[in-house]
Amino acid sequence: MWGGVGAAALLIGAALVFIRKPSERVTGMVMGFGSGTLISAIAYELVPESTLGKGLGLLAAFLIGALTFFVGDLLIDRMGGGSRKDLTGGEGGGSGMAIFLGTLLDGIPESMILGIGLGMGGSVSIAFLFAVFVSNLPEGVAGTVSMQAEGRPARRIALMWSLLVIASALAAGLGYFFTETLGVIDGVYLQAFAAGAMLTMLADTMMPEAFKHGGRIVGLLTVLGFLAAGILSVLE
């Protein structure tokens, strides 16, 4: 359920485009704020929990997560999914299936972490859920714009985002299942893996688009996003 809640922002982003597309500047600014919330979530929720300083295995998991996302993103870009975060829709849009797979690649680590946290005996982190939700909102806008540029009808776009919400819910369930099955220690490795993938996603696909369209103010908004999620972590 929590995985689906975090991904529901994709549908909201699509709905905004269908009703009245937000300006690229505003969406880029939201993307910058969302990037800050995710960086904060990695710093406060994942890296400390992963205790990277206590073993080379956890460090390796972090690096493997980063490399896995990098390779997966490279393959998806070659398939035509490189415009999934492009607020202008790219040149002629992009492959609908590639955009679907790319957004799924972006969202799986986030959703799995929600389930991993529950599986490790904790509760859902409001700070992390907030970070995932805010970061998914501009992604829903950008992906919808790209698919509209490709000529896909609104009904098909809405169906794609709905399937991604379901997939995110399943990914969170898998994170919980793996942690319950493998144990807390293995759950920590999964957290480190997901943290590496998320940080690579931010640097590779999200932050460049935020600065490109949001302008210089994105730097300040990223800091505000970091603080907002950090304060929620402390309050929890």
Foldseek 3Di string as FASTA:
>chain_A
DLLLLLLCLLLVLLVCVVVPADALQVLLLLLLLLLLLLVLCLVQPFCVLLVCVPDVLLVVLLQLLQVVLVVVLVVLVVQFLQQLLPLQLPDQFTDLVSVLVNVLLQSLLLLLLQLLCVLLVHHGQPSSSVSSNSNNNSSSNRNSNRVVSNVDDSVVSSVSSVVSSVSSNVSSVVSNVCCNVVHNNVSSSSSSSSSSNNVSCCVPRRNVSSCVRNPPCSVVSSNVSSVVSNVSSVVD
